[in-house]
Amino acid sequence: MNYIALSAISNLQATGASILTAMQLLGIISAAIAFGIGAYHLIWGGVRGRQSSLVWFIGGSVGLVVLMGATAIAEYIDSQVVF
């Protein structure tokens, strides 16, 4: 019975790692799109273009840093939790 629970937890961890890897790939693509939208606002935004582009640049950067750091955060939590 104990082996089955450990196997289930191991499978859940592997599934979570796979989902996080996929989310990171999509995050890179999303950040590239956000930077492109920010560049569009910077080029064609007129007087308020710089203000609106900064929102896209900062949002894309912060989101990407948090998403890429999610693996390190998950590994830290995994090392601290004991079953």
C-alpha atoms as a PDB file:
ATOM      1  CA  MET A   1       0.000   0.000   0.000  1.00  0.00           C
ATOM      2  CA  ASN A   2       2.822   2.380   0.872  1.00  0.00           C
ATOM      3  CA  TYR A   3       4.525   1.689  -2.460  1.00  0.00           C
ATOM      4  CA  ILE A   4       1.353   2.641  -4.346  1.00  0.00           C
ATOM      5  CA  ALA A   5       1.129   6.003  -2.559  1.00  0.00           C
ATOM      6  CA  LEU A   6       4.800   6.745  -3.287  1.00  0.00           C
ATOM      7  CA  SER A   7       4.294   5.799  -6.919  1.00  0.00           C
ATOM      8  CA  ALA A   8       1.268   8.090  -7.169  1.00  0.00           C
ATOM      9  CA  ILE A   9       3.198  10.989  -5.654  1.00  0.00           C
ATOM     10  CA  SER A  10       6.116  10.352  -8.005  1.00  0.00           C
ATOM     11  CA  ASN A  11       3.770  10.287 -11.001  1.00  0.00           C
ATOM     12  CA  LEU A  12       2.127  13.506  -9.820  1.00  0.00           C
ATOM     13  CA  GLN A  13       5.520  15.200  -9.517  1.00  0.00           C
ATOM     14  CA  ALA A  14       6.506  14.068 -12.999  1.00  0.00           C
ATOM     15  CA  THR A  15       3.224  15.322 -14.424  1.00  0.00           C
ATOM     16  CA  GLY A  16       3.658  18.664 -12.678  1.00  0.00           C
ATOM     17  CA  ALA A  17       7.197  19.006 -14.036  1.00  0.00           C
ATOM     18  CA  SER A  18       5.970  18.248 -17.562  1.00  0.00           C
ATOM     19  CA  ILE A  19       3.191  20.819 -17.269  1.00  0.00           C
ATOM     20  CA  LEU A  20       5.631  23.422 -15.943  1.00  0.00           C
ATOM     21  CA  THR A  21       8.023  22.771 -18.822  1.00  0.00           C
ATOM     22  CA  ALA A  22       5.196  23.241 -21.326  1.00  0.00           C
ATOM     23  CA  MET A  23       4.092  26.418 -19.555  1.00  0.00           C
ATOM     24  CA  GLN A  24       7.653  27.764 -19.745  1.00  0.00           C
ATOM     25  CA  LEU A  25       7.773  27.137 -23.484  1.00  0.00           C
ATOM     26  CA  LEU A  26       4.458  28.937 -23.935  1.00  0.00           C
ATOM     27  CA  GLY A  27       5.729  31.687 -21.612  1.00  0.00           C
ATOM     28  CA  ILE A  28       8.712  32.370 -23.851  1.00  0.00           C
ATOM     29  CA  ILE A  29       6.412  32.650 -26.847  1.00  0.00           C
ATOM     30  CA  SER A  30       4.002  34.884 -24.926  1.00  0.00           C
ATOM     31  CA  ALA A  31       6.832  37.147 -23.764  1.00  0.00           C
ATOM     32  CA  ALA A  32       8.012  37.504 -27.365  1.00  0.00           C
ATOM     33  CA  ILE A  33       4.489  38.485 -28.397  1.00  0.00           C
ATOM     34  CA  ALA A  34       4.282  40.990 -25.513  1.00  0.00           C
ATOM     35  CA  PHE A  35       7.605  42.535 -26.541  1.00  0.00           C
ATOM     36  CA  GLY A  36       6.353  42.768 -30.118  1.00  0.00           C
ATOM     37  CA  ILE A  37       3.154  44.512 -29.017  1.00  0.00           C
ATOM     38  CA  GLY A  38       5.225  46.865 -26.862  1.00  0.00           C
ATOM     39  CA  ALA A  39       7.462  47.655 -29.834  1.00  0.00           C
ATOM     40  CA  TYR A  40       4.376  48.325 -31.951  1.00  0.00           C
ATOM     41  CA  HIS A  41       3.116  50.800 -29.338  1.00  0.00           C
ATOM     42  CA  LEU A  42       6.554  52.408 -29.136  1.00  0.00           C
ATOM     43  CA  ILE A  43       6.792  52.868 -32.893  1.00  0.00           C
ATOM     44  CA  TRP A  44       3.209  53.805 -33.755  1.00  0.00           C
ATOM     45  CA  GLY A  45       1.803  54.955 -30.428  1.00  0.00           C
ATOM     46  CA  GLY A  46       2.422  58.625 -30.897  1.00  0.00           C
ATOM     47  CA  VAL A  47       2.660  60.805 -27.805  1.00  0.00           C
ATOM     48  CA  ARG A  48       1.427  58.103 -25.413  1.00  0.00           C
ATOM     49  CA  GLY A  49       3.275  55.291 -27.168  1.00  0.00           C
ATOM     50  CA  ARG A  50       6.162  55.195 -24.718  1.00  0.00           C
ATOM     51  CA  GLN A  51       3.847  54.922 -21.726  1.00  0.00           C
ATOM     52  CA  SER A  52       1.798  52.109 -23.193  1.00  0.00           C
ATOM     53  CA  SER A  53       4.882  50.237 -24.439  1.00  0.00           C
ATOM     54  CA  LEU A  54       6.494  50.252 -20.994  1.00  0.00           C
ATOM     55  CA  VAL A  55       3.503  48.341 -19.607  1.00  0.00           C
ATOM     56  CA  TRP A  56       4.012  45.586 -22.182  1.00  0.00           C
ATOM     57  CA  PHE A  57       7.800  45.482 -21.727  1.00  0.00           C
ATOM     58  CA  ILE A  58       7.689  45.357 -17.922  1.00  0.00           C
ATOM     59  CA  GLY A  59       4.774  42.922 -17.844  1.00  0.00           C
ATOM     60  CA  GLY A  60       6.447  40.562 -20.300  1.00  0.00           C
ATOM     61  CA  SER A  61       9.777  40.725 -18.473  1.00  0.00           C
ATOM     62  CA  VAL A  62       8.393  40.196 -14.976  1.00  0.00           C
ATOM     63  CA  GLY A  63       6.085  37.415 -16.117  1.00  0.00           C
ATOM     64  CA  LEU A  64       8.922  35.625 -17.877  1.00  0.00           C
ATOM     65  CA  VAL A  65      11.240  35.890 -14.860  1.00  0.00           C
ATOM     66  CA  VAL A  66       8.569  34.520 -12.516  1.00  0.00           C
ATOM     67  CA  LEU A  67       7.678  31.686 -14.885  1.00  0.00           C
ATOM     68  CA  MET A  68      11.299  30.679 -15.427  1.00  0.00           C
ATOM     69  CA  GLY A  69      11.913  30.839 -11.685  1.00  0.00           C
ATOM     70  CA  ALA A  70       8.962  28.532 -11.021  1.00  0.00           C
ATOM     71  CA  THR A  71      11.143  25.458 -11.505  1.00  0.00           C
ATOM     72  CA  ALA A  72      13.605  26.609  -8.853  1.00  0.00           C
ATOM     73  CA  ILE A  73      10.763  27.468  -6.480  1.00  0.00           C
ATOM     74  CA  ALA A  74       9.137  24.066  -7.043  1.00  0.00           C
ATOM     75  CA  GLU A  75      12.437  22.241  -6.471  1.00  0.00           C
ATOM     76  CA  TYR A  76      13.026  24.195  -3.252  1.00  0.00           C
ATOM     77  CA  ILE A  77       9.556  23.334  -1.958  1.00  0.00           C
ATOM     78  CA  ASP A  78      10.062  19.702  -2.959  1.00  0.00           C
ATOM     79  CA  SER A  79      13.316  19.547  -1.007  1.00  0.00           C
ATOM     80  CA  GLN A  80      11.649  21.013   2.107  1.00  0.00           C
ATOM     81  CA  VAL A  81       8.540  18.826   2.151  1.00  0.00           C
ATOM     82  CA  VAL A  82       8.931  15.407   3.745  1.00  0.00           C
ATOM     83  CA  PHE A  83       6.295  12.691   3.534  1.00  0.00           C
END
